[in-house]
């Protein structure tokens, strides 16, 4: 399932997730060290001057860079197969910084309409305040991309698979259109992770993550990552992050390093379970809709099979009787927890219409497939038969 092609250093993804970016101190510790420090000292004034001029590689201040954070950034870059990475305090800090660092008043941004609620707020509410023109399109409709990009663009932004509707977007086709229009394509790859999809290999210029999700994988810390080429990092992102301060803490970076070590194994197990659960739910024949890219019934199933090496850990399905039925289902669960997080070792379920996407109008939600009965299940590491058993009893309770 995982992408095991050789990376930039000659090692495959799974190896880089364990050993990429390792930088031991003079103590030669086995486990990566946590450098819990805000600042650094200098041997002399000349060294300090050279550090601030960028004439040496000395760490200056942990808002700029930190040894533990740097290890996480190097490991992410190697696992993703990209040249450079900068870490942030959260996934939303990564999304906002990836766009805001290169957009100016008068620029155009084209974005997929099917986005996580906070991402949609950034592109549709915050960026326009600064004079940025934003055009939203239905991501699976290449014709809409072509029309929106015809007038030129500074950047385009999308999620694939999308949160929470699991829409899959043709990355090579969109990337070609964005580049022809003179822009950069930014892809939020959080649902796939570096294990299941490599957006840069499919034409993306910049890849962003909420490391809070699968990369941590155990609901412990917040974090984000932005990956791109050295030109983008130097000309746009580096000084933006340095002076606005969305810095990842060294402890959180250490937790995320530990999460990366098991990411491949966790994704394999959770994807296998998600496929089994989605198939069983569809086979019931009693649910109005089951959404999972691994099902032949998914409208972009063939596309997902081409550009992903696995179909993901999230399953969406419609519970009969709208919000009332969905709430009865959620409240009847005994094993699966109600939470708006995902990618956790524990199975989690949420009702997007009343949580992550509650700000949207009913018409907007229905257009995205976020109906009153739709629930999003993030499949964890429990035995899949136990997860299915819990879903079955909760659906029976909701029906009664």
Foldseek 3Di string as FASTA:
>chain_A
DFFQDQAPVRGGLLVLLQDFLADDDPVPDPAHDQPQDFADDDPDPVRLVCVVVVVDDDDGGLLQNDSLQRSLFRSQCRNLRFDTKHKFQAQLVQLLLLPVLQDAAPFEEEEELQAFLSSNCCQPPVVVVRNYHYHYDHQQDLVRLLVVLVQAGAEYEYEALGPPLNDHHQLLSSLVSNVVSPYAYEYEDAQQGSTWFNSVVSRHAKYKYFCCAQLLQANDGTMMMMGHHPVCCVVTRSVVSSPVRRGHGSVVSSSSSVSSNCSNVFWVLLLVLQVVLLVVVVVVVPFPDKDWLCDPPHPCVVVSVVGTPTGGNKIKTFQPPFQLLQVLLQVQFDQEDDDPGASHQGKYKYQCCVPRNVVDDQVSCVVSVSTRRMMMIGGHNDDSVVVNVRSVVSSVRSVD
